[in-house]
């Protein structure tokens, strides 16, 4: 199975607004990361952000 990297903006765990470009990642926030706000075009670095293609 191929692994496809998602951008934060495409993940259902990211709550940014497209016009703001930045938003909170629910995965990072729930884990307690101090830096949980990401850019929408950032490659998702969370396991839940990877899907088979």
Protein backbone atom coordinates (compact mmCIF):
# COMPACT_ATOMS: atom_id res chain seq x y z
CA UNK A 1 0.00 0.00 0.00
CA UNK A 2 1.35 3.40 -0.98
CA UNK A 3 1.68 6.09 1.70
CA UNK A 4 0.42 9.51 0.65
CA UNK A 5 1.37 12.57 2.68
CA UNK A 6 -1.48 14.95 3.41
CA UNK A 7 -1.20 18.66 3.88
CA UNK A 8 -2.58 19.93 7.18
CA UNK A 9 -5.40 21.72 5.34
CA UNK A 10 -6.62 18.37 3.96
CA UNK A 11 -6.74 16.60 7.34
CA UNK A 12 -10.01 16.37 9.27
CA UNK A 13 -8.03 16.95 12.51
CA UNK A 14 -6.96 20.47 11.43
CA UNK A 15 -9.18 23.45 12.13
CA UNK A 16 -7.65 26.31 10.18
CA UNK A 17 -9.40 28.69 7.86
CA UNK A 18 -8.09 28.76 4.30
CA UNK A 19 -7.87 32.54 4.32
CA UNK A 20 -5.91 32.54 7.63
CA UNK A 21 -3.41 29.90 6.42
CA UNK A 22 -2.70 28.83 10.03
CA UNK A 23 -4.77 26.74 12.38
CA UNK A 24 -4.64 24.31 15.29
CA UNK A 25 -3.93 20.60 14.81
CA UNK A 26 -6.26 18.67 17.10
CA UNK A 27 -3.81 15.74 17.35
CA UNK A 28 -0.95 17.95 18.54
CA UNK A 29 -3.25 19.92 20.86
CA UNK A 30 -4.71 16.81 22.53
CA UNK A 31 -1.20 15.43 23.03
CA UNK A 32 -0.20 18.65 24.80
CA UNK A 33 2.35 19.94 22.30
CA UNK A 34 3.27 23.57 22.97
CA UNK A 35 3.37 24.26 19.22
CA UNK A 36 0.09 22.89 17.89
CA UNK A 37 -0.71 25.63 15.38
CA UNK A 38 0.44 24.69 11.88
CA UNK A 39 0.37 26.15 8.39
CA UNK A 40 -2.23 24.63 6.08
CA UNK A 41 0.38 23.68 3.46
CA UNK A 42 2.60 21.90 6.03
CA UNK A 43 3.09 18.18 5.32
CA UNK A 44 1.21 16.34 8.04
CA UNK A 45 3.73 14.60 10.31
CA UNK A 46 1.19 12.61 12.34
CA UNK A 47 0.43 8.90 11.76
CA UNK A 48 -3.30 9.67 11.52
CA UNK A 49 -2.49 12.10 8.71
CA UNK A 50 -1.21 9.36 6.43
CA UNK A 51 -3.56 7.38 4.26
CA UNK A 52 -3.12 4.48 1.89
CA UNK A 53 -3.40 5.27 -1.80
